[in-house]
């Protein structure tokens, strides 16, 4: 079995975090939020974006990067950044996967990226554009890990409401 962990480093926009929470709930990924957050956790936009999935979510909060590192020593983290050189699809993700994303306005600190350059990855996009939306980037990354694991544990088919396939 595999486990996907999504780490948001100081997220700023409640709607993005809510959308990411919904993706995590739908895929069984765990969400880790590193403070400071750019919003209050009871923010109505955050809750609305996450819909009624909050009770189906494994979420943990940390009082900063140091707190996170103390609680998870020795893990391998894949740092998603537009500044990275390696394509996110060129990685073979381990059974326990940790994916970190930075704040919407600045991304991850360059010092952190430089110290971990072997596990920095990027989602390809056109030149001269800043970045993709954070919640879209997380969804792309999560589904690449799921694809590599043959979508094990995910629902195989959809059902029509009025008709049957």
N, C-alpha and C. Protein backbone atom coordinates (compact mmCIF):
# COMPACT_ATOMS: atom_id res chain seq x y z
N UNK A 1 0.84 -1.19 0.00
CA UNK A 1 0.00 0.00 0.00
C UNK A 1 0.88 1.24 0.00
N UNK A 2 0.37 2.32 -0.49
CA UNK A 2 1.12 3.57 -0.56
C UNK A 2 0.41 4.66 0.24
N UNK A 3 1.15 5.73 0.52
CA UNK A 3 0.60 6.86 1.24
C UNK A 3 1.15 8.13 0.63
N UNK A 4 0.25 9.05 0.30
CA UNK A 4 0.64 10.34 -0.27
C UNK A 4 0.44 11.41 0.78
N UNK A 5 1.47 12.23 0.97
CA UNK A 5 1.43 13.35 1.91
C UNK A 5 1.65 14.64 1.15
N UNK A 6 0.71 15.57 1.28
CA UNK A 6 0.82 16.88 0.66
C UNK A 6 1.18 17.89 1.75
N UNK A 7 2.27 18.60 1.55
CA UNK A 7 2.73 19.61 2.51
C UNK A 7 2.57 20.98 1.86
N UNK A 8 1.82 21.85 2.50
CA UNK A 8 1.70 23.23 2.04
C UNK A 8 2.51 24.11 2.98
N UNK A 9 3.53 24.74 2.43
CA UNK A 9 4.41 25.61 3.21
C UNK A 9 3.86 27.03 3.18
N UNK A 10 3.25 27.44 4.27
CA UNK A 10 2.72 28.79 4.45
C UNK A 10 1.72 29.21 3.36
N UNK A 11 0.68 28.43 3.15
CA UNK A 11 -0.30 28.80 2.12
C UNK A 11 -1.00 30.11 2.48
N UNK A 12 -1.39 30.86 1.44
CA UNK A 12 -1.94 32.20 1.66
C UNK A 12 -3.41 32.35 1.27
N UNK A 13 -3.89 31.55 0.35
CA UNK A 13 -5.23 31.75 -0.20
C UNK A 13 -6.16 30.62 0.26
N UNK A 14 -7.20 30.96 1.01
CA UNK A 14 -8.06 29.92 1.58
C UNK A 14 -8.74 29.04 0.54
N UNK A 15 -9.14 29.61 -0.58
CA UNK A 15 -9.81 28.80 -1.60
C UNK A 15 -8.88 27.72 -2.16
N UNK A 16 -7.62 28.05 -2.34
CA UNK A 16 -6.66 27.04 -2.83
C UNK A 16 -6.51 25.92 -1.81
N UNK A 17 -6.35 26.27 -0.54
CA UNK A 17 -6.20 25.24 0.49
C UNK A 17 -7.45 24.39 0.59
N UNK A 18 -8.62 25.02 0.45
CA UNK A 18 -9.87 24.26 0.47
C UNK A 18 -9.96 23.29 -0.69
N UNK A 19 -9.57 23.74 -1.88
CA UNK A 19 -9.57 22.86 -3.05
C UNK A 19 -8.59 21.71 -2.88
N UNK A 20 -7.43 22.02 -2.32
CA UNK A 20 -6.42 20.98 -2.07
C UNK A 20 -6.93 19.99 -1.04
N UNK A 21 -7.61 20.48 -0.01
CA UNK A 21 -8.19 19.59 1.00
C UNK A 21 -9.18 18.64 0.34
N UNK A 22 -9.97 19.14 -0.58
CA UNK A 22 -10.94 18.30 -1.29
C UNK A 22 -10.23 17.24 -2.13
N UNK A 23 -9.17 17.61 -2.82
CA UNK A 23 -8.37 16.65 -3.58
C UNK A 23 -7.79 15.59 -2.66
N UNK A 24 -7.27 16.01 -1.52
CA UNK A 24 -6.70 15.05 -0.56
C UNK A 24 -7.77 14.09 -0.06
N UNK A 25 -8.93 14.61 0.28
CA UNK A 25 -10.02 13.74 0.75
C UNK A 25 -10.42 12.74 -0.32
N UNK A 26 -10.52 13.19 -1.56
CA UNK A 26 -10.96 12.32 -2.67
C UNK A 26 -9.94 11.25 -3.02
N UNK A 27 -8.67 11.50 -2.72
CA UNK A 27 -7.62 10.56 -3.10
C UNK A 27 -7.00 9.83 -1.91
N UNK A 28 -7.39 10.20 -0.70
CA UNK A 28 -6.83 9.58 0.49
C UNK A 28 -5.48 10.14 0.89
N UNK A 29 -5.06 11.24 0.28
CA UNK A 29 -3.79 11.87 0.64
C UNK A 29 -3.94 12.61 1.96
N UNK A 30 -2.86 12.68 2.71
CA UNK A 30 -2.83 13.42 3.98
C UNK A 30 -2.38 14.85 3.70
N UNK A 31 -2.98 15.81 4.38
CA UNK A 31 -2.63 17.22 4.19
C UNK A 31 -1.89 17.73 5.41
N UNK A 32 -0.74 18.37 5.18
CA UNK A 32 0.09 18.94 6.23
C UNK A 32 0.22 20.44 5.95
N UNK A 33 -0.21 21.27 6.90
CA UNK A 33 -0.15 22.73 6.73
C UNK A 33 0.88 23.32 7.67
N UNK A 34 1.87 23.98 7.08
CA UNK A 34 2.92 24.62 7.86
C UNK A 34 2.59 26.10 8.01
N UNK A 35 2.46 26.55 9.27
CA UNK A 35 2.15 27.94 9.58
C UNK A 35 3.39 28.81 9.42
N UNK A 36 3.20 30.12 9.22
CA UNK A 36 1.94 30.84 9.31
C UNK A 36 1.08 30.65 8.06
N UNK A 37 -0.23 30.63 8.29
CA UNK A 37 -1.19 30.56 7.20
C UNK A 37 -1.65 31.98 6.89
N UNK A 38 -2.02 32.22 5.65
CA UNK A 38 -2.48 33.55 5.25
C UNK A 38 -3.96 33.75 5.49
N UNK A 39 -4.57 32.93 6.33
CA UNK A 39 -6.00 32.98 6.59
C UNK A 39 -6.27 32.27 7.91
N UNK A 40 -7.47 32.50 8.44
CA UNK A 40 -7.90 31.78 9.63
C UNK A 40 -8.50 30.46 9.18
N UNK A 41 -8.27 29.43 9.94
CA UNK A 41 -8.71 28.09 9.55
C UNK A 41 -10.22 27.96 9.51
N UNK A 42 -10.93 28.86 10.17
CA UNK A 42 -12.39 28.82 10.12
C UNK A 42 -12.95 29.69 8.99
N UNK A 43 -12.09 30.15 8.10
CA UNK A 43 -12.49 31.00 6.99
C UNK A 43 -13.58 30.34 6.16
N UNK A 44 -14.64 31.07 5.90
CA UNK A 44 -15.79 30.54 5.14
C UNK A 44 -15.39 30.11 3.73
N UNK A 45 -14.47 30.83 3.10
CA UNK A 45 -14.03 30.48 1.74
C UNK A 45 -13.27 29.15 1.75
N UNK A 46 -12.49 28.93 2.79
CA UNK A 46 -11.76 27.67 2.95
C UNK A 46 -12.75 26.52 3.08
N UNK A 47 -13.72 26.67 3.94
CA UNK A 47 -14.69 25.61 4.16
C UNK A 47 -15.55 25.37 2.93
N UNK A 48 -15.95 26.43 2.26
CA UNK A 48 -16.78 26.28 1.06
C UNK A 48 -16.02 25.55 -0.04
N UNK A 49 -14.75 25.90 -0.24
CA UNK A 49 -13.95 25.25 -1.28
C UNK A 49 -13.76 23.76 -0.99
N UNK A 50 -13.68 23.40 0.29
CA UNK A 50 -13.50 22.00 0.67
C UNK A 50 -14.81 21.23 0.73
N UNK A 51 -15.91 21.94 0.53
CA UNK A 51 -17.25 21.36 0.58
C UNK A 51 -17.47 20.58 1.86
N UNK A 52 -18.12 19.45 1.75
CA UNK A 52 -18.45 18.67 2.95
C UNK A 52 -17.46 17.52 3.16
N UNK A 53 -16.22 17.73 2.74
CA UNK A 53 -15.21 16.68 2.84
C UNK A 53 -14.29 16.81 4.04
N UNK A 54 -14.46 17.84 4.86
CA UNK A 54 -13.52 18.08 5.94
C UNK A 54 -13.43 16.92 6.91
N UNK A 55 -14.54 16.22 7.14
CA UNK A 55 -14.51 15.08 8.07
C UNK A 55 -13.88 13.84 7.45
N UNK A 56 -13.59 13.87 6.16
CA UNK A 56 -12.97 12.74 5.46
C UNK A 56 -11.48 13.01 5.19
N UNK A 57 -10.94 14.00 5.86
CA UNK A 57 -9.59 14.48 5.58
C UNK A 57 -8.67 14.23 6.77
N UNK A 58 -7.47 13.74 6.47
CA UNK A 58 -6.41 13.60 7.48
C UNK A 58 -5.55 14.85 7.36
N UNK A 59 -5.68 15.77 8.32
CA UNK A 59 -4.98 17.05 8.24
C UNK A 59 -4.19 17.30 9.53
N UNK A 60 -2.97 17.81 9.37
CA UNK A 60 -2.10 18.12 10.50
C UNK A 60 -1.54 19.52 10.31
N UNK A 61 -1.45 20.26 11.41
CA UNK A 61 -0.93 21.63 11.40
C UNK A 61 0.41 21.67 12.13
N UNK A 62 1.31 22.53 11.66
CA UNK A 62 2.64 22.68 12.26
C UNK A 62 2.91 24.16 12.51
N UNK A 63 3.61 24.44 13.61
CA UNK A 63 3.92 25.83 13.98
C UNK A 63 5.20 26.32 13.30
N UNK A 64 5.40 25.96 12.06
CA UNK A 64 6.58 26.39 11.31
C UNK A 64 7.34 25.20 10.76
N UNK A 65 8.33 25.51 9.94
CA UNK A 65 9.14 24.48 9.28
C UNK A 65 9.91 23.63 10.29
N UNK A 66 10.43 24.28 11.31
CA UNK A 66 11.20 23.55 12.34
C UNK A 66 10.32 22.50 13.02
N UNK A 67 9.10 22.87 13.36
CA UNK A 67 8.15 21.94 13.98
C UNK A 67 7.89 20.75 13.05
N UNK A 68 7.68 21.03 11.78
CA UNK A 68 7.45 19.95 10.81
C UNK A 68 8.66 19.02 10.76
N UNK A 69 9.86 19.60 10.62
CA UNK A 69 11.08 18.79 10.51
C UNK A 69 11.33 17.94 11.75
N UNK A 70 11.03 18.48 12.93
CA UNK A 70 11.19 17.72 14.17
C UNK A 70 10.26 16.52 14.22
N UNK A 71 9.07 16.66 13.66
CA UNK A 71 8.08 15.58 13.71
C UNK A 71 8.25 14.56 12.57
N UNK A 72 9.04 14.89 11.57
CA UNK A 72 9.23 13.99 10.42
C UNK A 72 10.71 13.92 10.01
N UNK A 73 11.58 13.47 10.90
CA UNK A 73 13.00 13.40 10.55
C UNK A 73 13.27 12.30 9.53
N UNK A 74 14.20 12.58 8.64
CA UNK A 74 14.67 11.54 7.73
C UNK A 74 13.78 11.21 6.55
N UNK A 75 12.70 11.95 6.33
CA UNK A 75 11.85 11.64 5.17
C UNK A 75 12.41 12.29 3.91
N UNK A 76 12.07 11.71 2.77
CA UNK A 76 12.43 12.30 1.49
C UNK A 76 11.24 13.10 0.99
N UNK A 77 11.48 14.38 0.72
CA UNK A 77 10.42 15.27 0.25
C UNK A 77 10.74 15.67 -1.18
N UNK A 78 9.71 15.69 -2.02
CA UNK A 78 9.83 16.21 -3.38
C UNK A 78 9.26 17.62 -3.36
N UNK A 79 10.12 18.58 -3.70
CA UNK A 79 9.79 20.00 -3.63
C UNK A 79 9.36 20.48 -5.01
N UNK A 80 8.12 20.90 -5.13
CA UNK A 80 7.59 21.37 -6.41
C UNK A 80 7.86 22.86 -6.55
N UNK A 81 8.52 23.22 -7.64
CA UNK A 81 8.88 24.61 -7.86
C UNK A 81 9.07 24.89 -9.35
N UNK A 82 8.69 26.07 -9.77
CA UNK A 82 8.94 26.47 -11.16
C UNK A 82 10.43 26.64 -11.40
N UNK A 83 11.22 26.72 -10.35
CA UNK A 83 12.67 26.94 -10.46
C UNK A 83 13.47 25.64 -10.58
N UNK A 84 12.80 24.52 -10.40
CA UNK A 84 13.50 23.22 -10.43
C UNK A 84 13.88 22.85 -11.86
N UNK A 85 14.82 21.94 -12.00
CA UNK A 85 15.29 21.49 -13.31
C UNK A 85 14.65 20.18 -13.75
N UNK A 86 14.32 19.31 -12.80
CA UNK A 86 13.83 17.97 -13.11
C UNK A 86 12.31 17.97 -13.30
N UNK A 87 11.85 17.25 -14.30
CA UNK A 87 10.42 17.10 -14.58
C UNK A 87 9.79 16.16 -13.53
N UNK A 88 8.63 16.52 -13.01
CA UNK A 88 7.96 15.72 -11.98
C UNK A 88 7.61 14.32 -12.47
N UNK A 89 7.47 14.12 -13.77
CA UNK A 89 7.14 12.79 -14.33
C UNK A 89 8.36 11.89 -14.41
N UNK A 90 9.54 12.45 -14.26
CA UNK A 90 10.77 11.66 -14.35
C UNK A 90 11.16 11.02 -13.01
N UNK A 91 10.32 11.18 -12.02
CA UNK A 91 10.58 10.63 -10.69
C UNK A 91 9.74 9.37 -10.50
N UNK A 92 10.35 8.36 -9.90
CA UNK A 92 9.61 7.18 -9.50
C UNK A 92 9.31 7.36 -8.01
N UNK A 93 8.08 7.71 -7.70
CA UNK A 93 7.71 8.07 -6.33
C UNK A 93 7.65 6.83 -5.43
N UNK A 94 8.18 6.94 -4.21
CA UNK A 94 8.17 5.79 -3.29
C UNK A 94 6.77 5.54 -2.73
N UNK A 95 6.62 4.43 -2.05
CA UNK A 95 5.31 4.09 -1.48
C UNK A 95 4.84 5.12 -0.47
N UNK A 96 5.74 5.68 0.31
CA UNK A 96 5.36 6.81 1.17
C UNK A 96 5.95 8.06 0.53
N UNK A 97 5.08 8.83 -0.10
CA UNK A 97 5.50 9.99 -0.87
C UNK A 97 5.14 11.28 -0.13
N UNK A 98 6.11 12.20 -0.07
CA UNK A 98 5.93 13.50 0.54
C UNK A 98 6.16 14.56 -0.55
N UNK A 99 5.15 15.39 -0.81
CA UNK A 99 5.23 16.42 -1.84
C UNK A 99 5.01 17.78 -1.19
N UNK A 100 5.96 18.70 -1.36
CA UNK A 100 5.84 20.02 -0.73
C UNK A 100 5.65 21.10 -1.79
N UNK A 101 4.75 22.03 -1.45
CA UNK A 101 4.43 23.16 -2.31
C UNK A 101 4.53 24.44 -1.49
N UNK A 102 4.97 25.51 -2.14
CA UNK A 102 5.16 26.78 -1.45
C UNK A 102 3.96 27.69 -1.51
N UNK A 103 4.11 28.83 -0.89
CA UNK A 103 3.03 29.82 -0.86
C UNK A 103 2.78 30.38 -2.26
N UNK A 104 1.57 30.82 -2.47
CA UNK A 104 1.13 31.26 -3.80
C UNK A 104 1.95 32.41 -4.36
N UNK A 105 2.37 33.37 -3.54
CA UNK A 105 3.05 34.55 -4.05
C UNK A 105 4.55 34.39 -4.26
N UNK A 106 5.17 33.45 -3.54
CA UNK A 106 6.63 33.35 -3.60
C UNK A 106 7.15 31.94 -3.84
N UNK A 107 6.31 30.94 -3.71
CA UNK A 107 6.79 29.57 -3.82
C UNK A 107 7.58 29.18 -2.59
N UNK A 108 8.44 28.18 -2.75
CA UNK A 108 9.29 27.71 -1.64
C UNK A 108 10.55 28.57 -1.56
N UNK A 109 11.11 28.74 -0.36
CA UNK A 109 12.35 29.52 -0.23
C UNK A 109 13.48 28.90 -1.06
N UNK A 110 14.24 29.75 -1.75
CA UNK A 110 15.32 29.25 -2.60
C UNK A 110 16.37 28.49 -1.82
N UNK A 111 16.64 28.89 -0.58
CA UNK A 111 17.62 28.18 0.25
C UNK A 111 17.18 26.73 0.46
N UNK A 112 15.89 26.53 0.70
CA UNK A 112 15.34 25.18 0.87
C UNK A 112 15.48 24.38 -0.42
N UNK A 113 15.19 25.01 -1.54
CA UNK A 113 15.33 24.33 -2.84
C UNK A 113 16.79 23.94 -3.10
N UNK A 114 17.70 24.87 -2.84
CA UNK A 114 19.11 24.62 -3.10
C UNK A 114 19.64 23.47 -2.24
N UNK A 115 19.24 23.44 -0.97
CA UNK A 115 19.68 22.37 -0.07
C UNK A 115 19.13 21.01 -0.47
N UNK A 116 18.03 21.02 -1.21
CA UNK A 116 17.35 19.77 -1.59
C UNK A 116 17.24 19.63 -3.10
N UNK A 117 18.22 20.12 -3.81
CA UNK A 117 18.14 20.19 -5.28
C UNK A 117 17.93 18.85 -5.97
N UNK A 118 18.33 17.76 -5.34
CA UNK A 118 18.15 16.43 -5.96
C UNK A 118 16.69 15.99 -5.98
N UNK A 119 15.89 16.56 -5.11
CA UNK A 119 14.47 16.17 -5.06
C UNK A 119 13.54 17.34 -5.41
N UNK A 120 14.07 18.33 -6.10
CA UNK A 120 13.24 19.43 -6.60
C UNK A 120 12.70 19.06 -7.98
N UNK A 121 11.42 19.26 -8.18
CA UNK A 121 10.80 18.92 -9.46
C UNK A 121 9.89 20.06 -9.92
N UNK A 122 9.63 20.07 -11.20
CA UNK A 122 8.77 21.11 -11.76
C UNK A 122 7.74 20.50 -12.70
N UNK A 123 6.64 21.20 -12.83
CA UNK A 123 5.61 20.85 -13.81
C UNK A 123 5.88 21.72 -15.03
N UNK A 124 6.14 21.10 -16.20
CA UNK A 124 6.46 21.90 -17.38
C UNK A 124 5.31 22.84 -17.77
N UNK A 125 5.70 24.02 -18.24
CA UNK A 125 4.73 24.99 -18.75
C UNK A 125 5.46 25.94 -19.69
N UNK A 126 4.71 26.77 -20.35
CA UNK A 126 5.30 27.70 -21.31
C UNK A 126 6.25 28.68 -20.63
N UNK A 127 7.22 29.12 -21.40
CA UNK A 127 8.20 30.07 -20.92
C UNK A 127 7.54 31.42 -20.64
N UNK A 128 8.15 32.20 -19.78
CA UNK A 128 7.72 33.56 -19.45
C UNK A 128 6.40 33.65 -18.72
N UNK A 129 5.97 32.57 -18.11
CA UNK A 129 4.78 32.60 -17.25
C UNK A 129 5.24 32.26 -15.84
N UNK A 130 4.58 32.86 -14.85
CA UNK A 130 5.03 32.67 -13.46
C UNK A 130 4.81 31.26 -12.95
N UNK A 131 3.54 30.83 -12.95
CA UNK A 131 3.26 29.52 -12.34
C UNK A 131 1.82 29.11 -12.61
N UNK A 132 1.55 27.86 -12.33
CA UNK A 132 0.18 27.35 -12.34
C UNK A 132 -0.48 27.67 -11.01
N UNK A 133 -1.78 27.55 -10.95
CA UNK A 133 -2.50 27.70 -9.69
C UNK A 133 -2.05 26.59 -8.73
N UNK A 134 -1.91 26.93 -7.46
CA UNK A 134 -1.42 25.98 -6.47
C UNK A 134 -2.28 24.72 -6.39
N UNK A 135 -3.59 24.89 -6.33
CA UNK A 135 -4.45 23.70 -6.20
C UNK A 135 -4.38 22.82 -7.45
N UNK A 136 -4.21 23.43 -8.61
CA UNK A 136 -4.04 22.64 -9.84
C UNK A 136 -2.72 21.88 -9.81
N UNK A 137 -1.68 22.52 -9.34
CA UNK A 137 -0.36 21.87 -9.26
C UNK A 137 -0.40 20.66 -8.32
N UNK A 138 -1.06 20.82 -7.19
CA UNK A 138 -1.17 19.71 -6.25
C UNK A 138 -1.93 18.55 -6.89
N UNK A 139 -3.03 18.86 -7.58
CA UNK A 139 -3.82 17.80 -8.23
C UNK A 139 -2.99 17.07 -9.29
N UNK A 140 -2.23 17.80 -10.08
CA UNK A 140 -1.37 17.18 -11.10
C UNK A 140 -0.39 16.22 -10.43
N UNK A 141 0.24 16.68 -9.36
CA UNK A 141 1.25 15.87 -8.67
C UNK A 141 0.63 14.62 -8.03
N UNK A 142 -0.48 14.79 -7.34
CA UNK A 142 -1.13 13.66 -6.68
C UNK A 142 -1.53 12.61 -7.70
N UNK A 143 -2.09 13.04 -8.82
CA UNK A 143 -2.54 12.07 -9.80
C UNK A 143 -1.39 11.41 -10.55
N UNK A 144 -0.23 12.03 -10.60
CA UNK A 144 0.94 11.35 -11.16
C UNK A 144 1.38 10.22 -10.22
N UNK A 145 1.39 10.49 -8.92
CA UNK A 145 1.73 9.44 -7.96
C UNK A 145 0.70 8.31 -8.06
N UNK A 146 -0.59 8.65 -8.09
CA UNK A 146 -1.63 7.63 -8.22
C UNK A 146 -1.48 6.82 -9.51
N UNK A 147 -1.16 7.50 -10.62
CA UNK A 147 -0.96 6.80 -11.90
C UNK A 147 0.17 5.79 -11.77
N UNK A 148 1.27 6.20 -11.12
CA UNK A 148 2.40 5.29 -10.96
C UNK A 148 2.05 4.10 -10.08
N UNK A 149 1.06 4.26 -9.23
CA UNK A 149 0.62 3.16 -8.36
C UNK A 149 -0.61 2.46 -8.94
N UNK A 150 -0.84 2.65 -10.24
CA UNK A 150 -1.96 2.03 -10.96
C UNK A 150 -3.31 2.36 -10.34
N UNK A 151 -3.42 3.52 -9.73
CA UNK A 151 -4.67 4.00 -9.12
C UNK A 151 -5.23 2.99 -8.11
N UNK A 152 -4.32 2.26 -7.47
CA UNK A 152 -4.73 1.26 -6.48
C UNK A 152 -5.60 1.91 -5.40
N UNK A 153 -6.74 1.30 -5.12
CA UNK A 153 -7.63 1.79 -4.08
C UNK A 153 -8.60 2.86 -4.54
N UNK A 154 -8.48 3.31 -5.79
CA UNK A 154 -9.39 4.32 -6.31
C UNK A 154 -10.57 3.63 -7.00
N UNK A 155 -11.68 4.28 -7.04
CA UNK A 155 -12.89 3.76 -7.68
C UNK A 155 -12.60 3.48 -9.15
N UNK A 156 -12.98 2.31 -9.63
CA UNK A 156 -12.67 1.87 -10.98
C UNK A 156 -13.54 2.51 -12.06
N UNK A 157 -14.83 2.62 -11.79
CA UNK A 157 -15.75 3.17 -12.81
C UNK A 157 -16.74 4.11 -12.15
N UNK A 158 -17.35 4.94 -12.97
CA UNK A 158 -18.40 5.84 -12.50
C UNK A 158 -19.76 5.24 -12.80
N UNK A 159 -20.77 5.77 -12.16
CA UNK A 159 -22.14 5.31 -12.37
C UNK A 159 -23.00 6.46 -12.86
N UNK A 160 -23.82 6.19 -13.83
CA UNK A 160 -24.79 7.18 -14.28
C UNK A 160 -25.94 7.22 -13.29
N UNK A 161 -26.64 8.32 -13.23
CA UNK A 161 -27.76 8.46 -12.31
C UNK A 161 -29.03 7.84 -12.88
N UNK A 162 -29.31 8.16 -14.13
CA UNK A 162 -30.55 7.70 -14.77
C UNK A 162 -30.39 6.41 -15.57
N UNK A 163 -29.19 6.13 -16.00
CA UNK A 163 -28.96 5.01 -16.91
C UNK A 163 -27.90 4.07 -16.34
N UNK A 164 -27.75 2.93 -16.96
CA UNK A 164 -26.66 2.04 -16.59
C UNK A 164 -25.77 1.86 -17.81
N UNK A 165 -24.52 1.65 -17.55
CA UNK A 165 -23.56 1.48 -18.65
C UNK A 165 -23.82 0.17 -19.31
